[in-house]
PDB file of N, CA and C in Angstrom:
ATOM      1  N   MET A   1     -52.719-114.366-133.894  1.00  0.00           N
ATOM      2  CA  MET A   1     -53.282-113.462-134.893  1.00  0.00           C
ATOM      3  C   MET A   1     -53.438-112.077-134.256  1.00  0.00           C
ATOM      4  N   ALA A   2     -53.025-111.045-134.950  1.00  0.00           N
ATOM      5  CA  ALA A   2     -53.131-109.672-134.443  1.00  0.00           C
ATOM      6  C   ALA A   2     -54.574-109.229-134.355  1.00  0.00           C
ATOM      7  N   ALA A   3     -54.853-108.400-133.368  1.00  0.00           N
ATOM      8  CA  ALA A   3     -56.210-107.873-133.223  1.00  0.00           C
ATOM      9  C   ALA A   3     -56.614-107.122-134.473  1.00  0.00           C
ATOM     10  N   GLY A   4     -57.809-107.382-134.961  1.00  0.00           N
ATOM     11  CA  GLY A   4     -58.305-106.692-136.149  1.00  0.00           C
ATOM     12  C   GLY A   4     -57.851-107.286-137.468  1.00  0.00           C
ATOM     13  N   TYR A   5     -57.031-108.314-137.431  1.00  0.00           N
ATOM     14  CA  TYR A   5     -56.538-108.921-138.651  1.00  0.00           C
ATOM     15  C   TYR A   5     -57.427-110.105-139.003  1.00  0.00           C
ATOM     16  N   SER A   6     -57.983-110.084-140.206  1.00  0.00           N
ATOM     17  CA  SER A   6     -58.940-111.115-140.597  1.00  0.00           C
ATOM     18  C   SER A   6     -58.295-112.357-141.172  1.00  0.00           C
ATOM     19  N   GLY A   7     -57.048-112.277-141.560  1.00  0.00           N
ATOM     20  CA  GLY A   7     -56.392-113.396-142.205  1.00  0.00           C
ATOM     21  C   GLY A   7     -56.470-113.350-143.718  1.00  0.00           C
ATOM     22  N   THR A   8     -57.254-112.433-144.272  1.00  0.00           N
ATOM     23  CA  THR A   8     -57.371-112.268-145.711  1.00  0.00           C
ATOM     24  C   THR A   8     -56.196-111.432-146.221  1.00  0.00           C
ATOM     25  N   ALA A   9     -55.529-111.897-147.238  1.00  0.00           N
ATOM     26  CA  ALA A   9     -54.372-111.164-147.795  1.00  0.00           C
ATOM     27  C   ALA A   9     -54.822-109.778-148.290  1.00  0.00           C
ATOM     28  N   LEU A  10     -53.984-108.784-148.051  1.00  0.00           N
ATOM     29  CA  LEU A  10     -54.310-107.416-148.441  1.00  0.00           C
ATOM     30  C   LEU A  10     -54.542-107.286-149.947  1.00  0.00           C
ATOM     31  N   ILE A  11     -53.802-108.030-150.741  1.00  0.00           N
ATOM     32  CA  ILE A  11     -53.965-107.983-152.191  1.00  0.00           C
ATOM     33  C   ILE A  11     -55.405-108.370-152.585  1.00  0.00           C
ATOM     34  N   LYS A  12     -55.969-109.316-151.853  1.00  0.00           N
ATOM     35  CA  LYS A  12     -57.345-109.737-152.119  1.00  0.00           C
ATOM     36  C   LYS A  12     -58.315-108.654-151.649  1.00  0.00           C
ATOM     37  N   LYS A  13     -58.061-108.083-150.485  1.00  0.00           N
ATOM     38  CA  LYS A  13     -58.929-107.014-149.962  1.00  0.00           C
ATOM     39  C   LYS A  13     -58.964-105.819-150.893  1.00  0.00           C
ATOM     40  N   LEU A  14     -57.810-105.506-151.467  1.00  0.00           N
ATOM     41  CA  LEU A  14     -57.724-104.346-152.383  1.00  0.00           C
ATOM     42  C   LEU A  14     -58.307-104.652-153.762  1.00  0.00           C
ATOM     43  N   GLY A  15     -58.454-105.930-154.070  1.00  0.00           N
ATOM     44  CA  GLY A  15     -59.035-106.323-155.351  1.00  0.00           C
ATOM     45  C   GLY A  15     -58.051-106.266-156.509  1.00  0.00           C
ATOM     46  N   ILE A  16     -56.749-106.353-156.206  1.00  0.00           N
ATOM     47  CA  ILE A  16     -55.726-106.316-157.243  1.00  0.00           C
ATOM     48  C   ILE A  16     -55.715-107.665-157.964  1.00  0.00           C
ATOM     49  N   LYS A  17     -55.863-107.607-159.282  1.00  0.00           N
ATOM     50  CA  LYS A  17     -55.835-108.815-160.114  1.00  0.00           C
ATOM     51  C   LYS A  17     -54.459-108.977-160.742  1.00  0.00           C
ATOM     52  N   GLU A  18     -54.101-110.212-161.064  1.00  0.00           N
ATOM     53  CA  GLU A  18     -52.761-110.518-161.603  1.00  0.00           C
ATOM     54  C   GLU A  18     -52.473-109.852-162.936  1.00  0.00           C
ATOM     55  N   ASP A  19     -53.514-109.543-163.729  1.00  0.00           N
ATOM     56  CA  ASP A  19     -53.267-108.949-165.046  1.00  0.00           C
ATOM     57  C   ASP A  19     -53.371-107.435-165.040  1.00  0.00           C
ATOM     58  N   GLN A  20     -53.549-106.808-163.882  1.00  0.00           N
ATOM     59  CA  GLN A  20     -53.669-105.354-163.830  1.00  0.00           C
ATOM     60  C   GLN A  20     -52.305-104.685-163.776  1.00  0.00           C
ATOM     61  N   LYS A  21     -52.235-103.529-164.438  1.00  0.00           N
ATOM     62  CA  LYS A  21     -51.038-102.683-164.332  1.00  0.00           C
ATOM     63  C   LYS A  21     -51.218-101.760-163.128  1.00  0.00           C
ATOM     64  N   LEU A  22     -50.192-101.682-162.295  1.00  0.00           N
ATOM     65  CA  LEU A  22     -50.271-100.948-161.031  1.00  0.00           C
ATOM     66  C   LEU A  22     -49.425 -99.691-161.047  1.00  0.00           C
ATOM     67  N   LEU A  23     -49.929 -98.652-160.421  1.00  0.00           N
ATOM     68  CA  LEU A  23     -49.141 -97.449-160.136  1.00  0.00           C
ATOM     69  C   LEU A  23     -49.163 -97.287-158.629  1.00  0.00           C
ATOM     70  N   ILE A  24     -48.018 -97.452-158.001  1.00  0.00           N
ATOM     71  CA  ILE A  24     -47.905 -97.371-156.554  1.00  0.00           C
ATOM     72  C   ILE A  24     -47.172 -96.074-156.235  1.00  0.00           C
ATOM     73  N   LEU A  25     -47.843 -95.166-155.528  1.00  0.00           N
ATOM     74  CA  LEU A  25     -47.270 -93.881-155.178  1.00  0.00           C
ATOM     75  C   LEU A  25     -46.950 -93.831-153.688  1.00  0.00           C
ATOM     76  N   ASN A  26     -45.753 -93.455-153.364  1.00  0.00           N
ATOM     77  CA  ASN A  26     -45.277 -93.293-151.981  1.00  0.00           C
ATOM     78  C   ASN A  26     -45.402 -94.561-151.141  1.00  0.00           C
ATOM     79  N   PRO A  27     -44.939 -95.705-151.635  1.00  0.00           N
ATOM     80  CA  PRO A  27     -45.007 -96.902-150.771  1.00  0.00           C
ATOM     81  C   PRO A  27     -44.188 -96.649-149.505  1.00  0.00           C
ATOM     82  N   PRO A  28     -44.712 -96.972-148.341  1.00  0.00           N
ATOM     83  CA  PRO A  28     -44.084 -96.575-147.056  1.00  0.00           C
ATOM     84  C   PRO A  28     -42.596 -96.905-146.940  1.00  0.00           C
ATOM     85  N   ASP A  29     -42.194 -98.098-147.309  1.00  0.00           N
ATOM     86  CA  ASP A  29     -40.792 -98.481-147.165  1.00  0.00           C
ATOM     87  C   ASP A  29     -40.202 -98.985-148.480  1.00  0.00           C
ATOM     88  N   GLY A  30     -40.729 -98.474-149.575  1.00  0.00           N
ATOM     89  CA  GLY A  30     -40.237 -98.881-150.890  1.00  0.00           C
ATOM     90  C   GLY A  30     -41.103 -99.963-151.499  1.00  0.00           C
ATOM     91  N   ILE A  31     -40.871-100.204-152.783  1.00  0.00           N
ATOM     92  CA  ILE A  31     -41.734-101.121-153.522  1.00  0.00           C
ATOM     93  C   ILE A  31     -41.536-102.568-153.075  1.00  0.00           C
ATOM     94  N   ASP A  32     -40.332-102.955-152.634  1.00  0.00           N
ATOM     95  CA  ASP A  32     -40.117-104.314-152.145  1.00  0.00           C
ATOM     96  C   ASP A  32     -40.935-104.571-150.881  1.00  0.00           C
ATOM     97  N   ALA A  33     -40.948-103.594-149.979  1.00  0.00           N
ATOM     98  CA  ALA A  33     -41.728-103.723-148.753  1.00  0.00           C
ATOM     99  C   ALA A  33     -43.220-103.731-149.070  1.00  0.00           C
ATOM    100  N   TYR A  34     -43.611-103.029-150.118  1.00  0.00           N
ATOM    101  CA  TYR A  34     -45.029-103.007-150.509  1.00  0.00           C
ATOM    102  C   TYR A  34     -45.481-104.418-150.918  1.00  0.00           C
ATOM    103  N   GLY A  35     -44.639-105.113-151.654  1.00  0.00           N
ATOM    104  CA  GLY A  35     -44.959-106.484-152.026  1.00  0.00           C
ATOM    105  C   GLY A  35     -45.160-107.393-150.817  1.00  0.00           C
ATOM    106  N   LYS A  36     -44.329-107.208-149.819  1.00  0.00           N
ATOM    107  CA  LYS A  36     -44.489-107.992-148.593  1.00  0.00           C
ATOM    108  C   LYS A  36     -45.776-107.600-147.870  1.00  0.00           C
ATOM    109  N   LEU A  37     -46.096-106.313-147.876  1.00  0.00           N
ATOM    110  CA  LEU A  37     -47.294-105.823-147.219  1.00  0.00           C
ATOM    111  C   LEU A  37     -48.554-106.426-147.813  1.00  0.00           C
ATOM    112  N   ILE A  38     -48.622-106.469-149.147  1.00  0.00           N
ATOM    113  CA  ILE A  38     -49.848-106.979-149.785  1.00  0.00           C
ATOM    114  C   ILE A  38     -49.825-108.499-149.965  1.00  0.00           C
ATOM    115  N   GLY A  39     -48.663-109.106-149.733  1.00  0.00           N
ATOM    116  CA  GLY A  39     -48.577-110.562-149.787  1.00  0.00           C
ATOM    117  C   GLY A  39     -48.221-111.113-151.145  1.00  0.00           C
ATOM    118  N   LYS A  40     -47.645-110.276-152.031  1.00  0.00           N
ATOM    119  CA  LYS A  40     -47.253-110.754-153.362  1.00  0.00           C
ATOM    120  C   LYS A  40     -46.252-109.798-153.971  1.00  0.00           C
ATOM    121  N   ASP A  41     -45.260-110.357-154.659  1.00  0.00           N
ATOM    122  CA  ASP A  41     -44.332-109.516-155.401  1.00  0.00           C
ATOM    123  C   ASP A  41     -45.047-109.001-156.644  1.00  0.00           C
ATOM    124  N   CYS A  42     -45.287-107.717-156.694  1.00  0.00           N
ATOM    125  CA  CYS A  42     -46.050-107.137-157.806  1.00  0.00           C
ATOM    126  C   CYS A  42     -45.147-106.343-158.754  1.00  0.00           C
ATOM    127  N   SER A  43     -43.832-106.512-158.645  1.00  0.00           N
ATOM    128  CA  SER A  43     -42.902-105.718-159.456  1.00  0.00           C
ATOM    129  C   SER A  43     -43.124-105.917-160.946  1.00  0.00           C
ATOM    130  N   GLY A  44     -43.568-107.073-161.380  1.00  0.00           N
ATOM    131  CA  GLY A  44     -43.832-107.318-162.793  1.00  0.00           C
ATOM    132  C   GLY A  44     -45.110-106.661-163.293  1.00  0.00           C
ATOM    133  N   GLN A  45     -45.914-106.163-162.387  1.00  0.00           N
ATOM    134  CA  GLN A  45     -47.165-105.510-162.774  1.00  0.00           C
ATOM    135  C   GLN A  45     -47.077-103.982-162.783  1.00  0.00           C
ATOM    136  N   LEU A  46     -45.945-103.435-162.374  1.00  0.00           N
ATOM    137  CA  LEU A  46     -45.830-101.985-162.292  1.00  0.00           C
ATOM    138  C   LEU A  46     -45.877-101.341-163.669  1.00  0.00           C
ATOM    139  N   CYS A  47     -46.568-100.233-163.758  1.00  0.00           N
ATOM    140  CA  CYS A  47     -46.714 -99.484-165.018  1.00  0.00           C
ATOM    141  C   CYS A  47     -45.378 -98.945-165.492  1.00  0.00           C
ATOM    142  N   LYS A  48     -45.190 -99.081-166.769  1.00  0.00           N
ATOM    143  CA  LYS A  48     -44.081 -98.372-167.402  1.00  0.00           C
ATOM    144  C   LYS A  48     -44.593 -96.987-167.766  1.00  0.00           C
ATOM    145  N   SER A  49     -43.709 -96.076-168.118  1.00  0.00           N
ATOM    146  CA  SER A  49     -44.102 -94.690-168.347  1.00  0.00           C
ATOM    147  C   SER A  49     -45.103 -94.518-169.482  1.00  0.00           C
ATOM    148  N   ASN A  50     -45.174 -95.472-170.390  1.00  0.00           N
ATOM    149  CA  ASN A  50     -46.106 -95.351-171.517  1.00  0.00           C
ATOM    150  C   ASN A  50     -47.376 -96.189-171.338  1.00  0.00           C
ATOM    151  N   GLU A  51     -47.584 -96.742-170.150  1.00  0.00           N
ATOM    152  CA  GLU A  51     -48.750 -97.584-169.887  1.00  0.00           C
ATOM    153  C   GLU A  51     -49.746 -96.876-168.983  1.00  0.00           C
ATOM    154  N   GLN A  52     -51.007 -97.213-169.171  1.00  0.00           N
ATOM    155  CA  GLN A  52     -52.063 -96.656-168.336  1.00  0.00           C
ATOM    156  C   GLN A  52     -52.303 -97.611-167.147  1.00  0.00           C
ATOM    157  N   PRO A  53     -52.252 -97.067-165.924  1.00  0.00           N
ATOM    158  CA  PRO A  53     -52.503 -97.935-164.765  1.00  0.00           C
ATOM    159  C   PRO A  53     -53.977 -98.320-164.694  1.00  0.00           C
ATOM    160  N   GLN A  54     -54.186 -99.530-164.203  1.00  0.00           N
ATOM    161  CA  GLN A  54     -55.549 -99.994-163.967  1.00  0.00           C
ATOM    162  C   GLN A  54     -55.861 -99.969-162.474  1.00  0.00           C
ATOM    163  N   PHE A  55     -54.834 -99.820-161.679  1.00  0.00           N
ATOM    164  CA  PHE A  55     -54.994 -99.733-160.221  1.00  0.00           C
ATOM    165  C   PHE A  55     -53.947 -98.752-159.716  1.00  0.00           C
ATOM    166  N   ILE A  56     -54.390 -97.765-158.947  1.00  0.00           N
ATOM    167  CA  ILE A  56     -53.477 -96.790-158.330  1.00  0.00           C
ATOM    168  C   ILE A  56     -53.606 -96.899-156.837  1.00  0.00           C
ATOM    169  N   HIS A  57     -52.476 -97.038-156.160  1.00  0.00           N
ATOM    170  CA  HIS A  57     -52.475 -97.081-154.701  1.00  0.00           C
ATOM    171  C   HIS A  57     -51.530 -95.981-154.217  1.00  0.00           C
ATOM    172  N   LEU A  58     -52.108 -95.035-153.506  1.00  0.00           N
ATOM    173  CA  LEU A  58     -51.355 -93.909-152.964  1.00  0.00           C
ATOM    174  C   LEU A  58     -51.343 -94.004-151.455  1.00  0.00           C
ATOM    175  N   ASP A  59     -50.167 -93.965-150.878  1.00  0.00           N
ATOM    176  CA  ASP A  59     -50.060 -93.919-149.413  1.00  0.00           C
ATOM    177  C   ASP A  59     -49.762 -92.493-149.006  1.00  0.00           C
ATOM    178  N   ALA A  60     -50.664 -91.902-148.249  1.00  0.00           N
ATOM    179  CA  ALA A  60     -50.476 -90.531-147.771  1.00  0.00           C
ATOM    180  C   ALA A  60     -50.877 -90.481-146.291  1.00  0.00           C
ATOM    181  N   ASP A  61     -50.051 -89.809-145.498  1.00  0.00           N
ATOM    182  CA  ASP A  61     -50.341 -89.746-144.074  1.00  0.00           C
ATOM    183  C   ASP A  61     -51.096 -88.493-143.653  1.00  0.00           C
ATOM    184  N   SER A  62     -51.420 -87.633-144.640  1.00  0.00           N
ATOM    185  CA  SER A  62     -52.200 -86.440-144.341  1.00  0.00           C
ATOM    186  C   SER A  62     -52.860 -85.933-145.628  1.00  0.00           C
ATOM    187  N   GLN A  63     -53.855 -85.088-145.458  1.00  0.00           N
ATOM    188  CA  GLN A  63     -54.513 -84.498-146.624  1.00  0.00           C
ATOM    189  C   GLN A  63     -53.524 -83.635-147.416  1.00  0.00           C
ATOM    190  N   LYS A  64     -52.646 -82.957-146.714  1.00  0.00           N
ATOM    191  CA  LYS A  64     -51.639 -82.122-147.375  1.00  0.00           C
ATOM    192  C   LYS A  64     -50.729 -82.980-148.274  1.00  0.00           C
ATOM    193  N   ASN A  65     -50.252 -84.106-147.757  1.00  0.00           N
ATOM    194  CA  ASN A  65     -49.410 -84.999-148.550  1.00  0.00           C
ATOM    195  C   ASN A  65     -50.175 -85.645-149.698  1.00  0.00           C
ATOM    196  N   PHE A  66     -51.446 -85.948-149.461  1.00  0.00           N
ATOM    197  CA  PHE A  66     -52.290 -86.489-150.518  1.00  0.00           C
ATOM    198  C   PHE A  66     -52.386 -85.503-151.658  1.00  0.00           C
ATOM    199  N   ASN A  67     -52.715 -84.247-151.344  1.00  0.00           N
ATOM    200  CA  ASN A  67     -52.825 -83.214-152.377  1.00  0.00           C
ATOM    201  C   ASN A  67     -51.505 -83.005-153.093  1.00  0.00           C
ATOM    202  N   HIS A  68     -50.423 -82.978-152.342  1.00  0.00           N
ATOM    203  CA  HIS A  68     -49.086 -82.764-152.914  1.00  0.00           C
ATOM    204  C   HIS A  68     -48.717 -83.871-153.891  1.00  0.00           C
ATOM    205  N   SER A  69     -49.137 -85.110-153.605  1.00  0.00           N
ATOM    206  CA  SER A  69     -48.818 -86.215-154.469  1.00  0.00           C
ATOM    207  C   SER A  69     -49.413 -86.083-155.864  1.00  0.00           C
ATOM    208  N   PHE A  70     -50.533 -85.371-155.963  1.00  0.00           N
ATOM    209  CA  PHE A  70     -51.191 -85.213-157.268  1.00  0.00           C
ATOM    210  C   PHE A  70     -50.893 -83.872-157.922  1.00  0.00           C
ATOM    211  N   GLN A  71     -50.316 -82.966-157.162  1.00  0.00           N
ATOM    212  CA  GLN A  71     -49.955 -81.664-157.715  1.00  0.00           C
ATOM    213  C   GLN A  71     -48.862 -81.855-158.767  1.00  0.00           C
ATOM    214  N   ASN A  72     -49.073 -81.239-159.913  1.00  0.00           N
ATOM    215  CA  ASN A  72     -48.109 -81.321-161.003  1.00  0.00           C
ATOM    216  C   ASN A  72     -47.855 -82.741-161.528  1.00  0.00           C
ATOM    217  N   LYS A  73     -48.729 -83.646-161.204  1.00  0.00           N
ATOM    218  CA  LYS A  73     -48.602 -85.025-161.666  1.00  0.00           C
ATOM    219  C   LYS A  73     -49.156 -85.098-163.072  1.00  0.00           C
ATOM    220  N   LYS A  74     -48.329 -85.568-163.978  1.00  0.00           N
ATOM    221  CA  LYS A  74     -48.765 -85.735-165.378  1.00  0.00           C
ATOM    222  C   LYS A  74     -49.046 -87.185-165.611  1.00  0.00           C
ATOM    223  N   PRO A  75     -50.119 -87.472-166.327  1.00  0.00           N
ATOM    224  CA  PRO A  75     -50.368 -88.889-166.642  1.00  0.00           C
ATOM    225  C   PRO A  75     -49.204 -89.443-167.469  1.00  0.00           C
ATOM    226  N   HIS A  76     -48.870 -90.692-167.261  1.00  0.00           N
ATOM    227  CA  HIS A  76     -47.781 -91.279-168.018  1.00  0.00           C
ATOM    228  C   HIS A  76     -48.294 -92.296-169.019  1.00  0.00           C
ATOM    229  N   TYR A  77     -49.399 -92.011-169.610  1.00  0.00           N
ATOM    230  CA  TYR A  77     -49.940 -92.861-170.680  1.00  0.00           C
ATOM    231  C   TYR A  77     -50.370 -91.999-171.845  1.00  0.00           C
TER     232      TYR A  77
END
């Protein structure tokens, strides 16, 4: 077991429920890798352009990139 790893799946730590619509912004290695990271294929839960997300996960490696991710972002619901 890796140091600092509790054994709890990331999806559980994040509190993502099976019936929630997800908006994943900037997944590090794409949405398929994101599913592996959290321990579940969540592709069926991704928001369509006319749906309101119930969970938003943004991966940003700096404050500048965080701000840029929301700049000019229009809601898609």
